[in-house]
Amino acid sequence: MTEAAPKEMVVVLDCADRKVLAEFWSQALGYRITRTTPPYTALTDPAGRHPELLLQEVPEPKRGKNRMHIDLRVPAMEPELSRVTALGARVLRGPFDDAGCPTTVLADPEGNEFCLIVFDGG
């Protein structure tokens, strides 16, 4: 790593209501809500292995498909699909086979796309 390289990566998700999404994403990811300073709410992995998710409240509505999204790699589609839909996610497409990986495209409570993928690393 060069001195100019970043030391960590933070994923930022624009939203209309960071409190609603903080509740959803903290439960979906098993993260903790660690700090709130309007317009931001930070969610962190308690084990410190995964990037922070920073929710940024913005005035403009979401338009169109996300250019970048979150993939959640899971050992099995069920019960994870049932769990996240019970939290407020909705299925947009799937489950379907995506290059040998069972995949479901979902939306969080504000319509931000994310995927559940059964990925064995092969």
PDB file of N, CA and C in Angstrom:
ATOM      1  N   MET A   1       0.846  -1.176   0.000  1.00  0.00           N
ATOM      2  CA  MET A   1       0.000   0.000   0.000  1.00  0.00           C
ATOM      3  C   MET A   1       0.892   1.240   0.000  1.00  0.00           C
ATOM      4  N   THR A   2       0.610   2.168  -0.896  1.00  0.00           N
ATOM      5  CA  THR A   2       1.375   3.403  -0.941  1.00  0.00           C
ATOM      6  C   THR A   2       0.837   4.375   0.102  1.00  0.00           C
ATOM      7  N   GLU A   3       1.612   5.401   0.392  1.00  0.00           N
ATOM      8  CA  GLU A   3       1.157   6.376   1.379  1.00  0.00           C
ATOM      9  C   GLU A   3      -0.070   7.130   0.918  1.00  0.00           C
ATOM     10  N   ALA A   4      -0.291   7.220  -0.394  1.00  0.00           N
ATOM     11  CA  ALA A   4      -1.440   7.952  -0.908  1.00  0.00           C
ATOM     12  C   ALA A   4      -2.710   7.111  -0.894  1.00  0.00           C
ATOM     13  N   ALA A   5      -2.614   5.804  -0.663  1.00  0.00           N
ATOM     14  CA  ALA A   5      -3.790   4.938  -0.664  1.00  0.00           C
ATOM     15  C   ALA A   5      -4.646   5.189   0.576  1.00  0.00           C
ATOM     16  N   PRO A   6      -5.981   5.091   0.432  1.00  0.00           N
ATOM     17  CA  PRO A   6      -6.838   5.288   1.601  1.00  0.00           C
ATOM     18  C   PRO A   6      -6.628   4.168   2.620  1.00  0.00           C
ATOM     19  N   LYS A   7      -6.869   4.482   3.873  1.00  0.00           N
ATOM     20  CA  LYS A   7      -6.689   3.499   4.944  1.00  0.00           C
ATOM     21  C   LYS A   7      -7.936   2.670   5.171  1.00  0.00           C
ATOM     22  N   GLU A   8      -9.082   3.170   4.772  1.00  0.00           N
ATOM     23  CA  GLU A   8     -10.320   2.419   4.907  1.00  0.00           C
ATOM     24  C   GLU A   8     -11.332   2.911   3.891  1.00  0.00           C
ATOM     25  N   MET A   9     -12.316   2.068   3.630  1.00  0.00           N
ATOM     26  CA  MET A   9     -13.373   2.441   2.705  1.00  0.00           C
ATOM     27  C   MET A   9     -14.674   2.574   3.493  1.00  0.00           C
ATOM     28  N   VAL A  10     -15.430   3.615   3.202  1.00  0.00           N
ATOM     29  CA  VAL A  10     -16.741   3.838   3.784  1.00  0.00           C
ATOM     30  C   VAL A  10     -17.742   3.846   2.636  1.00  0.00           C
ATOM     31  N   VAL A  11     -18.840   3.119   2.798  1.00  0.00           N
ATOM     32  CA  VAL A  11     -19.901   3.111   1.791  1.00  0.00           C
ATOM     33  C   VAL A  11     -20.930   4.143   2.238  1.00  0.00           C
ATOM     34  N   VAL A  12     -21.267   5.083   1.342  1.00  0.00           N
ATOM     35  CA  VAL A  12     -22.220   6.140   1.657  1.00  0.00           C
ATOM     36  C   VAL A  12     -23.495   5.907   0.858  1.00  0.00           C
ATOM     37  N   LEU A  13     -24.625   5.936   1.550  1.00  0.00           N
ATOM     38  CA  LEU A  13     -25.922   5.733   0.917  1.00  0.00           C
ATOM     39  C   LEU A  13     -26.769   6.966   1.162  1.00  0.00           C
ATOM     40  N   ASP A  14     -27.142   7.667   0.083  1.00  0.00           N
ATOM     41  CA  ASP A  14     -28.037   8.810   0.202  1.00  0.00           C
ATOM     42  C   ASP A  14     -29.431   8.307   0.552  1.00  0.00           C
ATOM     43  N   CYS A  15     -30.160   9.109   1.345  1.00  0.00           N
ATOM     44  CA  CYS A  15     -31.494   8.692   1.753  1.00  0.00           C
ATOM     45  C   CYS A  15     -32.344   9.901   2.112  1.00  0.00           C
ATOM     46  N   ALA A  16     -33.640   9.674   2.198  1.00  0.00           N
ATOM     47  CA  ALA A  16     -34.572  10.721   2.603  1.00  0.00           C
ATOM     48  C   ALA A  16     -34.766  10.711   4.120  1.00  0.00           C
ATOM     49  N   ASP A  17     -34.747   9.529   4.735  1.00  0.00           N
ATOM     50  CA  ASP A  17     -34.968   9.397   6.170  1.00  0.00           C
ATOM     51  C   ASP A  17     -33.919   8.453   6.752  1.00  0.00           C
ATOM     52  N   ARG A  18     -32.842   9.012   7.264  1.00  0.00           N
ATOM     53  CA  ARG A  18     -31.735   8.191   7.749  1.00  0.00           C
ATOM     54  C   ARG A  18     -32.118   7.375   8.974  1.00  0.00           C
ATOM     55  N   LYS A  19     -33.107   7.810   9.759  1.00  0.00           N
ATOM     56  CA  LYS A  19     -33.530   7.039  10.931  1.00  0.00           C
ATOM     57  C   LYS A  19     -34.186   5.730  10.507  1.00  0.00           C
ATOM     58  N   VAL A  20     -35.056   5.788   9.514  1.00  0.00           N
ATOM     59  CA  VAL A  20     -35.713   4.577   9.007  1.00  0.00           C
ATOM     60  C   VAL A  20     -34.687   3.629   8.417  1.00  0.00           C
ATOM     61  N   LEU A  21     -33.780   4.162   7.584  1.00  0.00           N
ATOM     62  CA  LEU A  21     -32.779   3.291   6.970  1.00  0.00           C
ATOM     63  C   LEU A  21     -31.745   2.798   7.974  1.00  0.00           C
ATOM     64  N   ALA A  22     -31.443   3.576   9.002  1.00  0.00           N
ATOM     65  CA  ALA A  22     -30.509   3.107  10.031  1.00  0.00           C
ATOM     66  C   ALA A  22     -31.091   1.889  10.740  1.00  0.00           C
ATOM     67  N   GLU A  23     -32.357   1.917  11.032  1.00  0.00           N
ATOM     68  CA  GLU A  23     -33.008   0.770  11.672  1.00  0.00           C
ATOM     69  C   GLU A  23     -32.964  -0.444  10.742  1.00  0.00           C
ATOM     70  N   PHE A  24     -33.311  -0.261   9.475  1.00  0.00           N
ATOM     71  CA  PHE A  24     -33.309  -1.368   8.518  1.00  0.00           C
ATOM     72  C   PHE A  24     -31.909  -1.940   8.339  1.00  0.00           C
ATOM     73  N   TRP A  25     -30.935  -1.093   7.965  1.00  0.00           N
ATOM     74  CA  TRP A  25     -29.603  -1.585   7.634  1.00  0.00           C
ATOM     75  C   TRP A  25     -28.848  -2.107   8.854  1.00  0.00           C
ATOM     76  N   SER A  26     -29.056  -1.535  10.032  1.00  0.00           N
ATOM     77  CA  SER A  26     -28.371  -2.066  11.217  1.00  0.00           C
ATOM     78  C   SER A  26     -28.837  -3.491  11.491  1.00  0.00           C
ATOM     79  N   GLN A  27     -30.126  -3.754  11.333  1.00  0.00           N
ATOM     80  CA  GLN A  27     -30.639  -5.102  11.539  1.00  0.00           C
ATOM     81  C   GLN A  27     -30.259  -6.033  10.386  1.00  0.00           C
ATOM     82  N   ALA A  28     -30.326  -5.539   9.160  1.00  0.00           N
ATOM     83  CA  ALA A  28     -30.001  -6.374   7.998  1.00  0.00           C
ATOM     84  C   ALA A  28     -28.541  -6.812   8.028  1.00  0.00           C
ATOM     85  N   LEU A  29     -27.639  -5.920   8.449  1.00  0.00           N
ATOM     86  CA  LEU A  29     -26.208  -6.212   8.432  1.00  0.00           C
ATOM     87  C   LEU A  29     -25.651  -6.695   9.773  1.00  0.00           C
ATOM     88  N   GLY A  30     -26.433  -6.547  10.841  1.00  0.00           N
ATOM     89  CA  GLY A  30     -25.899  -6.850  12.169  1.00  0.00           C
ATOM     90  C   GLY A  30     -24.918  -5.787  12.623  1.00  0.00           C
ATOM     91  N   TYR A  31     -25.062  -4.561  12.115  1.00  0.00           N
ATOM     92  CA  TYR A  31     -24.196  -3.438  12.464  1.00  0.00           C
ATOM     93  C   TYR A  31     -24.780  -2.677  13.651  1.00  0.00           C
ATOM     94  N   ARG A  32     -23.939  -1.846  14.236  1.00  0.00           N
ATOM     95  CA  ARG A  32     -24.379  -0.943  15.306  1.00  0.00           C
ATOM     96  C   ARG A  32     -24.493   0.471  14.759  1.00  0.00           C
ATOM     97  N   ILE A  33     -25.477   1.202  15.261  1.00  0.00           N
ATOM     98  CA  ILE A  33     -25.566   2.633  14.976  1.00  0.00           C
ATOM     99  C   ILE A  33     -24.572   3.290  15.925  1.00  0.00           C
ATOM    100  N   THR A  34     -23.499   3.857  15.369  1.00  0.00           N
ATOM    101  CA  THR A  34     -22.413   4.337  16.231  1.00  0.00           C
ATOM    102  C   THR A  34     -22.369   5.847  16.410  1.00  0.00           C
ATOM    103  N   ARG A  35     -22.849   6.586  15.448  1.00  0.00           N
ATOM    104  CA  ARG A  35     -22.882   8.034  15.648  1.00  0.00           C
ATOM    105  C   ARG A  35     -23.906   8.658  14.697  1.00  0.00           C
ATOM    106  N   THR A  36     -24.481   9.747  15.172  1.00  0.00           N
ATOM    107  CA  THR A  36     -25.455  10.490  14.385  1.00  0.00           C
ATOM    108  C   THR A  36     -25.137  11.960  14.518  1.00  0.00           C
ATOM    109  N   THR A  37     -24.782  12.562  13.410  1.00  0.00           N
ATOM    110  CA  THR A  37     -24.545  13.994  13.330  1.00  0.00           C
ATOM    111  C   THR A  37     -25.215  14.458  12.048  1.00  0.00           C
ATOM    112  N   PRO A  38     -26.416  15.056  12.164  1.00  0.00           N
ATOM    113  CA  PRO A  38     -27.146  15.426  10.954  1.00  0.00           C
ATOM    114  C   PRO A  38     -26.257  16.144   9.950  1.00  0.00           C
ATOM    115  N   PRO A  39     -26.324  15.737   8.692  1.00  0.00           N
ATOM    116  CA  PRO A  39     -27.276  14.827   8.058  1.00  0.00           C
ATOM    117  C   PRO A  39     -26.806  13.373   7.976  1.00  0.00           C
ATOM    118  N   TYR A  40     -25.876  12.942   8.856  1.00  0.00           N
ATOM    119  CA  TYR A  40     -25.287  11.609   8.754  1.00  0.00           C
ATOM    120  C   TYR A  40     -25.656  10.714   9.926  1.00  0.00           C
ATOM    121  N   THR A  41     -25.748   9.419   9.636  1.00  0.00           N
ATOM    122  CA  THR A  41     -25.806   8.374  10.656  1.00  0.00           C
ATOM    123  C   THR A  41     -24.845   7.285  10.210  1.00  0.00           C
ATOM    124  N   ALA A  42     -23.930   6.913  11.106  1.00  0.00           N
ATOM    125  CA  ALA A  42     -22.922   5.902  10.789  1.00  0.00           C
ATOM    126  C   ALA A  42     -23.296   4.567  11.410  1.00  0.00           C
ATOM    127  N   LEU A  43     -23.126   3.511  10.617  1.00  0.00           N
ATOM    128  CA  LEU A  43     -23.342   2.140  11.065  1.00  0.00           C
ATOM    129  C   LEU A  43     -22.024   1.395  10.910  1.00  0.00           C
ATOM    130  N   THR A  44     -21.624   0.673  11.961  1.00  0.00           N
ATOM    131  CA  THR A  44     -20.347  -0.029  11.892  1.00  0.00           C
ATOM    132  C   THR A  44     -20.507  -1.489  12.278  1.00  0.00           C
ATOM    133  N   ASP A  45     -19.629  -2.287  11.701  1.00  0.00           N
ATOM    134  CA  ASP A  45     -19.548  -3.713  11.980  1.00  0.00           C
ATOM    135  C   ASP A  45     -18.934  -3.881  13.363  1.00  0.00           C
ATOM    136  N   PRO A  46     -19.642  -4.527  14.300  1.00  0.00           N
ATOM    137  CA  PRO A  46     -19.087  -4.681  15.645  1.00  0.00           C
ATOM    138  C   PRO A  46     -17.750  -5.428  15.667  1.00  0.00           C
ATOM    139  N   ALA A  47     -17.519  -6.303  14.694  1.00  0.00           N
ATOM    140  CA  ALA A  47     -16.261  -7.048  14.636  1.00  0.00           C
ATOM    141  C   ALA A  47     -15.158  -6.263  13.939  1.00  0.00           C
ATOM    142  N   GLY A  48     -15.519  -5.142  13.292  1.00  0.00           N
ATOM    143  CA  GLY A  48     -14.530  -4.310  12.616  1.00  0.00           C
ATOM    144  C   GLY A  48     -13.968  -4.887  11.331  1.00  0.00           C
ATOM    145  N   ARG A  49     -14.640  -5.866  10.744  1.00  0.00           N
ATOM    146  CA  ARG A  49     -14.139  -6.511   9.526  1.00  0.00           C
ATOM    147  C   ARG A  49     -14.648  -5.877   8.235  1.00  0.00           C
ATOM    148  N   HIS A  50     -15.799  -5.237   8.301  1.00  0.00           N
ATOM    149  CA  HIS A  50     -16.437  -4.746   7.079  1.00  0.00           C
ATOM    150  C   HIS A  50     -16.530  -3.222   7.082  1.00  0.00           C
ATOM    151  N   PRO A  51     -16.686  -2.614   5.905  1.00  0.00           N
ATOM    152  CA  PRO A  51     -16.725  -1.152   5.821  1.00  0.00           C
ATOM    153  C   PRO A  51     -17.896  -0.542   6.591  1.00  0.00           C
ATOM    154  N   GLU A  52     -17.672   0.660   7.047  1.00  0.00           N
ATOM    155  CA  GLU A  52     -18.740   1.449   7.660  1.00  0.00           C
ATOM    156  C   GLU A  52     -19.777   1.780   6.594  1.00  0.00           C
ATOM    157  N   LEU A  53     -21.042   1.836   6.994  1.00  0.00           N
ATOM    158  CA  LEU A  53     -22.110   2.308   6.120  1.00  0.00           C
ATOM    159  C   LEU A  53     -22.558   3.649   6.676  1.00  0.00           C
ATOM    160  N   LEU A  54     -22.409   4.692   5.872  1.00  0.00           N
ATOM    161  CA  LEU A  54     -22.767   6.046   6.285  1.00  0.00           C
ATOM    162  C   LEU A  54     -24.030   6.450   5.531  1.00  0.00           C
ATOM    163  N   LEU A  55     -25.088   6.720   6.280  1.00  0.00           N
ATOM    164  CA  LEU A  55     -26.348   7.165   5.681  1.00  0.00           C
ATOM    165  C   LEU A  55     -26.333   8.683   5.652  1.00  0.00           C
ATOM    166  N   GLN A  56     -26.545   9.240   4.471  1.00  0.00           N
ATOM    167  CA  GLN A  56     -26.509  10.693   4.295  1.00  0.00           C
ATOM    168  C   GLN A  56     -27.884  11.159   3.844  1.00  0.00           C
ATOM    169  N   GLU A  57     -28.537  11.941   4.686  1.00  0.00           N
ATOM    170  CA  GLU A  57     -29.857  12.461   4.345  1.00  0.00           C
ATOM    171  C   GLU A  57     -29.704  13.574   3.315  1.00  0.00           C
ATOM    172  N   VAL A  58     -30.419  13.438   2.203  1.00  0.00           N
ATOM    173  CA  VAL A  58     -30.350  14.425   1.125  1.00  0.00           C
ATOM    174  C   VAL A  58     -31.767  14.862   0.752  1.00  0.00           C
ATOM    175  N   PRO A  59     -31.916  16.083   0.217  1.00  0.00           N
ATOM    176  CA  PRO A  59     -33.263  16.573  -0.100  1.00  0.00           C
ATOM    177  C   PRO A  59     -33.851  15.994  -1.389  1.00  0.00           C
ATOM    178  N   GLU A  60     -33.007  15.615  -2.342  1.00  0.00           N
ATOM    179  CA  GLU A  60     -33.538  15.146  -3.614  1.00  0.00           C
ATOM    180  C   GLU A  60     -33.941  13.672  -3.533  1.00  0.00           C
ATOM    181  N   PRO A  61     -35.012  13.301  -4.254  1.00  0.00           N
ATOM    182  CA  PRO A  61     -35.456  11.906  -4.236  1.00  0.00           C
ATOM    183  C   PRO A  61     -34.553  11.021  -5.095  1.00  0.00           C
ATOM    184  N   LYS A  62     -34.602   9.722  -4.802  1.00  0.00           N
ATOM    185  CA  LYS A  62     -33.886   8.742  -5.619  1.00  0.00           C
ATOM    186  C   LYS A  62     -34.543   8.701  -6.997  1.00  0.00           C
ATOM    187  N   ARG A  63     -33.720   8.650  -8.034  1.00  0.00           N
ATOM    188  CA  ARG A  63     -34.236   8.566  -9.402  1.00  0.00           C
ATOM    189  C   ARG A  63     -33.498   7.455 -10.121  1.00  0.00           C
ATOM    190  N   GLY A  64     -34.250   6.515 -10.663  1.00  0.00           N
ATOM    191  CA  GLY A  64     -33.642   5.469 -11.470  1.00  0.00           C
ATOM    192  C   GLY A  64     -32.876   4.429 -10.685  1.00  0.00           C
ATOM    193  N   LYS A  65     -32.153   3.610 -11.417  1.00  0.00           N
ATOM    194  CA  LYS A  65     -31.388   2.502 -10.847  1.00  0.00           C
ATOM    195  C   LYS A  65     -30.104   3.007 -10.211  1.00  0.00           C
ATOM    196  N   ASN A  66     -29.758   2.393  -9.077  1.00  0.00           N
ATOM    197  CA  ASN A  66     -28.480   2.715  -8.433  1.00  0.00           C
ATOM    198  C   ASN A  66     -27.332   2.346  -9.368  1.00  0.00           C
ATOM    199  N   ARG A  67     -26.306   3.161  -9.427  1.00  0.00           N
ATOM    200  CA  ARG A  67     -25.099   2.824 -10.186  1.00  0.00           C
ATOM    201  C   ARG A  67     -24.195   1.909  -9.372  1.00  0.00           C
ATOM    202  N   MET A  68     -24.273   2.011  -8.072  1.00  0.00           N
ATOM    203  CA  MET A  68     -23.514   1.129  -7.188  1.00  0.00           C
ATOM    204  C   MET A  68     -24.503   0.618  -6.145  1.00  0.00           C
ATOM    205  N   HIS A  69     -24.323  -0.641  -5.754  1.00  0.00           N
ATOM    206  CA  HIS A  69     -25.236  -1.207  -4.767  1.00  0.00           C
ATOM    207  C   HIS A  69     -24.498  -2.176  -3.858  1.00  0.00           C
ATOM    208  N   ILE A  70     -25.175  -2.591  -2.820  1.00  0.00           N
ATOM    209  CA  ILE A  70     -24.618  -3.514  -1.842  1.00  0.00           C
ATOM    210  C   ILE A  70     -25.015  -4.931  -2.217  1.00  0.00           C
ATOM    211  N   ASP A  71     -24.056  -5.859  -2.205  1.00  0.00           N
ATOM    212  CA  ASP A  71     -24.309  -7.291  -2.341  1.00  0.00           C
ATOM    213  C   ASP A  71     -24.080  -7.920  -0.983  1.00  0.00           C
ATOM    214  N   LEU A  72     -25.026  -8.714  -0.541  1.00  0.00           N
ATOM    215  CA  LEU A  72     -24.869  -9.471   0.698  1.00  0.00           C
ATOM    216  C   LEU A  72     -24.699 -10.931   0.322  1.00  0.00           C
ATOM    217  N   ARG A  73     -23.510 -11.457   0.551  1.00  0.00           N
ATOM    218  CA  ARG A  73     -23.245 -12.868   0.269  1.00  0.00           C
ATOM    219  C   ARG A  73     -23.725 -13.689   1.456  1.00  0.00           C
ATOM    220  N   VAL A  74     -24.599 -14.644   1.173  1.00  0.00           N
ATOM    221  CA  VAL A  74     -25.233 -15.437   2.225  1.00  0.00           C
ATOM    222  C   VAL A  74     -25.016 -16.923   1.953  1.00  0.00           C
ATOM    223  N   PRO A  75     -25.038 -17.758   2.998  1.00  0.00           N
ATOM    224  CA  PRO A  75     -24.829 -19.189   2.784  1.00  0.00           C
ATOM    225  C   PRO A  75     -26.006 -19.880   2.112  1.00  0.00           C
ATOM    226  N   ALA A  76     -27.215 -19.341   2.290  1.00  0.00           N
ATOM    227  CA  ALA A  76     -28.419 -19.911   1.671  1.00  0.00           C
ATOM    228  C   ALA A  76     -29.427 -18.786   1.463  1.00  0.00           C
ATOM    229  N   MET A  77     -30.184 -18.860   0.370  1.00  0.00           N
ATOM    230  CA  MET A  77     -31.154 -17.794   0.077  1.00  0.00           C
ATOM    231  C   MET A  77     -32.208 -17.704   1.184  1.00  0.00           C
ATOM    232  N   GLU A  78     -32.724 -18.847   1.580  1.00  0.00           N
ATOM    233  CA  GLU A  78     -33.634 -18.880   2.725  1.00  0.00           C
ATOM    234  C   GLU A  78     -32.815 -19.370   3.909  1.00  0.00           C
ATOM    235  N   PRO A  79     -32.917 -18.822   5.068  1.00  0.00           N
ATOM    236  CA  PRO A  79     -33.952 -17.915   5.549  1.00  0.00           C
ATOM    237  C   PRO A  79     -33.627 -16.430   5.385  1.00  0.00           C
ATOM    238  N   GLU A  80     -32.481 -16.080   4.765  1.00  0.00           N
ATOM    239  CA  GLU A  80     -32.080 -14.669   4.670  1.00  0.00           C
ATOM    240  C   GLU A  80     -33.096 -13.829   3.909  1.00  0.00           C
ATOM    241  N   LEU A  81     -33.657 -14.382   2.843  1.00  0.00           N
ATOM    242  CA  LEU A  81     -34.657 -13.643   2.064  1.00  0.00           C
ATOM    243  C   LEU A  81     -35.871 -13.333   2.936  1.00  0.00           C
ATOM    244  N   SER A  82     -36.327 -14.296   3.694  1.00  0.00           N
ATOM    245  CA  SER A  82     -37.460 -14.063   4.602  1.00  0.00           C
ATOM    246  C   SER A  82     -37.112 -13.035   5.677  1.00  0.00           C
ATOM    247  N   ARG A  83     -35.884 -13.113   6.184  1.00  0.00           N
ATOM    248  CA  ARG A  83     -35.460 -12.197   7.244  1.00  0.00           C
ATOM    249  C   ARG A  83     -35.442 -10.750   6.777  1.00  0.00           C
ATOM    250  N   VAL A  84     -34.827 -10.481   5.621  1.00  0.00           N
ATOM    251  CA  VAL A  84     -34.727  -9.081   5.180  1.00  0.00           C
ATOM    252  C   VAL A  84     -36.066  -8.541   4.683  1.00  0.00           C
ATOM    253  N   THR A  85     -36.908  -9.400   4.114  1.00  0.00           N
ATOM    254  CA  THR A  85     -38.241  -8.911   3.719  1.00  0.00           C
ATOM    255  C   THR A  85     -39.084  -8.602   4.959  1.00  0.00           C
ATOM    256  N   ALA A  86     -38.903  -9.360   6.020  1.00  0.00           N
ATOM    257  CA  ALA A  86     -39.605  -9.063   7.278  1.00  0.00           C
ATOM    258  C   ALA A  86     -39.141  -7.729   7.872  1.00  0.00           C
ATOM    259  N   LEU A  87     -37.896  -7.332   7.566  1.00  0.00           N
ATOM    260  CA  LEU A  87     -37.376  -6.044   8.038  1.00  0.00           C
ATOM    261  C   LEU A  87     -37.890  -4.867   7.206  1.00  0.00           C
ATOM    262  N   GLY A  88     -38.468  -5.159   6.033  1.00  0.00           N
ATOM    263  CA  GLY A  88     -38.994  -4.084   5.196  1.00  0.00           C
ATOM    264  C   GLY A  88     -38.476  -4.062   3.776  1.00  0.00           C
ATOM    265  N   ALA A  89     -37.580  -4.984   3.421  1.00  0.00           N
ATOM    266  CA  ALA A  89     -37.101  -5.045   2.033  1.00  0.00           C
ATOM    267  C   ALA A  89     -38.206  -5.628   1.151  1.00  0.00           C
ATOM    268  N   ARG A  90     -38.138  -5.314  -0.128  1.00  0.00           N
ATOM    269  CA  ARG A  90     -39.076  -5.940  -1.069  1.00  0.00           C
ATOM    270  C   ARG A  90     -38.295  -6.501  -2.245  1.00  0.00           C
ATOM    271  N   VAL A  91     -38.784  -7.626  -2.725  1.00  0.00           N
ATOM    272  CA  VAL A  91     -38.133  -8.311  -3.836  1.00  0.00           C
ATOM    273  C   VAL A  91     -38.445  -7.586  -5.133  1.00  0.00           C
ATOM    274  N   LEU A  92     -37.413  -7.266  -5.906  1.00  0.00           N
ATOM    275  CA  LEU A  92     -37.577  -6.654  -7.217  1.00  0.00           C
ATOM    276  C   LEU A  92     -37.453  -7.690  -8.331  1.00  0.00           C
ATOM    277  N   ARG A  93     -36.573  -8.697  -8.110  1.00  0.00           N
ATOM    278  CA  ARG A  93     -36.340  -9.705  -9.144  1.00  0.00           C
ATOM    279  C   ARG A  93     -35.717 -10.942  -8.512  1.00  0.00           C
ATOM    280  N   GLY A  94     -36.219 -12.076  -8.899  1.00  0.00           N
ATOM    281  CA  GLY A  94     -35.603 -13.325  -8.459  1.00  0.00           C
ATOM    282  C   GLY A  94     -36.410 -14.048  -7.414  1.00  0.00           C
ATOM    283  N   PRO A  95     -35.774 -15.085  -6.903  1.00  0.00           N
ATOM    284  CA  PRO A  95     -34.410 -15.534  -7.130  1.00  0.00           C
ATOM    285  C   PRO A  95     -34.200 -16.050  -8.561  1.00  0.00           C
ATOM    286  N   PHE A  96     -32.954 -15.884  -9.041  1.00  0.00           N
ATOM    287  CA  PHE A  96     -32.565 -16.345 -10.371  1.00  0.00           C
ATOM    288  C   PHE A  96     -31.102 -16.746 -10.327  1.00  0.00           C
ATOM    289  N   ASP A  97     -30.662 -17.446 -11.359  1.00  0.00           N
ATOM    290  CA  ASP A  97     -29.268 -17.870 -11.448  1.00  0.00           C
ATOM    291  C   ASP A  97     -28.470 -16.780 -12.147  1.00  0.00           C
ATOM    292  N   ASP A  98     -27.442 -16.286 -11.484  1.00  0.00           N
ATOM    293  CA  ASP A  98     -26.564 -15.273 -12.063  1.00  0.00           C
ATOM    294  C   ASP A  98     -25.159 -15.858 -12.108  1.00  0.00           C
ATOM    295  N   ALA A  99     -24.789 -16.395 -13.247  1.00  0.00           N
ATOM    296  CA  ALA A  99     -23.464 -16.999 -13.445  1.00  0.00           C
ATOM    297  C   ALA A  99     -23.166 -18.077 -12.406  1.00  0.00           C
ATOM    298  N   GLY A 100     -24.177 -18.897 -12.124  1.00  0.00           N
ATOM    299  CA  GLY A 100     -23.998 -19.997 -11.190  1.00  0.00           C
ATOM    300  C   GLY A 100     -24.259 -19.658  -9.745  1.00  0.00           C
ATOM    301  N   CYS A 101     -24.621 -18.409  -9.459  1.00  0.00           N
ATOM    302  CA  CYS A 101     -24.902 -17.985  -8.082  1.00  0.00           C
ATOM    303  C   CYS A 101     -26.379 -17.611  -7.953  1.00  0.00           C
ATOM    304  N   PRO A 102     -27.124 -18.315  -7.083  1.00  0.00           N
ATOM    305  CA  PRO A 102     -28.506 -17.886  -6.837  1.00  0.00           C
ATOM    306  C   PRO A 102     -28.514 -16.450  -6.311  1.00  0.00           C
ATOM    307  N   THR A 103     -29.329 -15.616  -6.935  1.00  0.00           N
ATOM    308  CA  THR A 103     -29.345 -14.182  -6.649  1.00  0.00           C
ATOM    309  C   THR A 103     -30.774 -13.669  -6.577  1.00  0.00           C
ATOM    310  N   THR A 104     -31.011 -12.745  -5.644  1.00  0.00           N
ATOM    311  CA  THR A 104     -32.283 -12.029  -5.571  1.00  0.00           C
ATOM    312  C   THR A 104     -31.964 -10.543  -5.459  1.00  0.00           C
ATOM    313  N   VAL A 105     -32.617  -9.729  -6.287  1.00  0.00           N
ATOM    314  CA  VAL A 105     -32.466  -8.274  -6.228  1.00  0.00           C
ATOM    315  C   VAL A 105     -33.622  -7.742  -5.382  1.00  0.00           C
ATOM    316  N   LEU A 106     -33.266  -6.946  -4.387  1.00  0.00           N
ATOM    317  CA  LEU A 106     -34.258  -6.378  -3.478  1.00  0.00           C
ATOM    318  C   LEU A 106     -34.116  -4.869  -3.415  1.00  0.00           C
ATOM    319  N   ALA A 107     -35.055  -4.225  -2.722  1.00  0.00           N
ATOM    320  CA  ALA A 107     -34.975  -2.789  -2.448  1.00  0.00           C
ATOM    321  C   ALA A 107     -35.176  -2.585  -0.957  1.00  0.00           C
ATOM    322  N   ASP A 108     -34.408  -1.658  -0.374  1.00  0.00           N
ATOM    323  CA  ASP A 108     -34.601  -1.315   1.032  1.00  0.00           C
ATOM    324  C   ASP A 108     -35.867  -0.463   1.152  1.00  0.00           C
ATOM    325  N   PRO A 109     -36.257  -0.015   2.350  1.00  0.00           N
ATOM    326  CA  PRO A 109     -37.502   0.750   2.489  1.00  0.00           C
ATOM    327  C   PRO A 109     -37.592   2.025   1.652  1.00  0.00           C
ATOM    328  N   GLU A 110     -36.461   2.564   1.165  1.00  0.00           N
ATOM    329  CA  GLU A 110     -36.498   3.756   0.312  1.00  0.00           C
ATOM    330  C   GLU A 110     -36.288   3.429  -1.160  1.00  0.00           C
ATOM    331  N   GLY A 111     -36.193   2.152  -1.496  1.00  0.00           N
ATOM    332  CA  GLY A 111     -36.052   1.768  -2.898  1.00  0.00           C
ATOM    333  C   GLY A 111     -34.627   1.591  -3.381  1.00  0.00           C
ATOM    334  N   ASN A 112     -33.626   1.669  -2.496  1.00  0.00           N
ATOM    335  CA  ASN A 112     -32.235   1.445  -2.879  1.00  0.00           C
ATOM    336  C   ASN A 112     -32.019  -0.043  -3.108  1.00  0.00           C
ATOM    337  N   GLU A 113     -31.503  -0.393  -4.286  1.00  0.00           N
ATOM    338  CA  GLU A 113     -31.322  -1.790  -4.628  1.00  0.00           C
ATOM    339  C   GLU A 113     -30.159  -2.419  -3.872  1.00  0.00           C
ATOM    340  N   PHE A 114     -30.313  -3.695  -3.538  1.00  0.00           N
ATOM    341  CA  PHE A 114     -29.223  -4.520  -3.028  1.00  0.00           C
ATOM    342  C   PHE A 114     -29.530  -5.951  -3.410  1.00  0.00           C
ATOM    343  N   CYS A 115     -28.515  -6.799  -3.347  1.00  0.00           N
ATOM    344  CA  CYS A 115     -28.682  -8.186  -3.767  1.00  0.00           C
ATOM    345  C   CYS A 115     -28.324  -9.148  -2.635  1.00  0.00           C
ATOM    346  N   LEU A 116     -29.060 -10.238  -2.573  1.00  0.00           N
ATOM    347  CA  LEU A 116     -28.670 -11.396  -1.789  1.00  0.00           C
ATOM    348  C   LEU A 116     -28.090 -12.392  -2.778  1.00  0.00           C
ATOM    349  N   ILE A 117     -26.893 -12.894  -2.495  1.00  0.00           N
ATOM    350  CA  ILE A 117     -26.226 -13.813  -3.406  1.00  0.00           C
ATOM    351  C   ILE A 117     -25.681 -14.990  -2.615  1.00  0.00           C
ATOM    352  N   VAL A 118     -26.008 -16.203  -3.077  1.00  0.00           N
ATOM    353  CA  VAL A 118     -25.409 -17.398  -2.501  1.00  0.00           C
ATOM    354  C   VAL A 118     -24.140 -17.622  -3.289  1.00  0.00           C
ATOM    355  N   PHE A 119     -23.015 -17.360  -2.641  1.00  0.00           N
ATOM    356  CA  PHE A 119     -21.696 -17.366  -3.301  1.00  0.00           C
ATOM    357  C   PHE A 119     -20.785 -18.284  -2.537  1.00  0.00           C
ATOM    358  N   ASP A 120     -20.264 -19.298  -3.218  1.00  0.00           N
ATOM    359  CA  ASP A 120     -19.392 -20.236  -2.526  1.00  0.00           C
ATOM    360  C   ASP A 120     -17.911 -19.934  -2.742  1.00  0.00           C
ATOM    361  N   GLY A 121     -17.606 -18.845  -3.438  1.00  0.00           N
ATOM    362  CA  GLY A 121     -16.223 -18.439  -3.640  1.00  0.00           C
ATOM    363  C   GLY A 121     -15.536 -19.124  -4.788  1.00  0.00           C
ATOM    364  N   GLY A 122     -16.247 -20.027  -5.471  1.00  0.00           N
ATOM    365  CA  GLY A 122     -15.636 -20.774  -6.564  1.00  0.00           C
ATOM    366  C   GLY A 122     -15.661 -20.090  -7.876  1.00  0.00           C
TER     367      GLY A 122
END
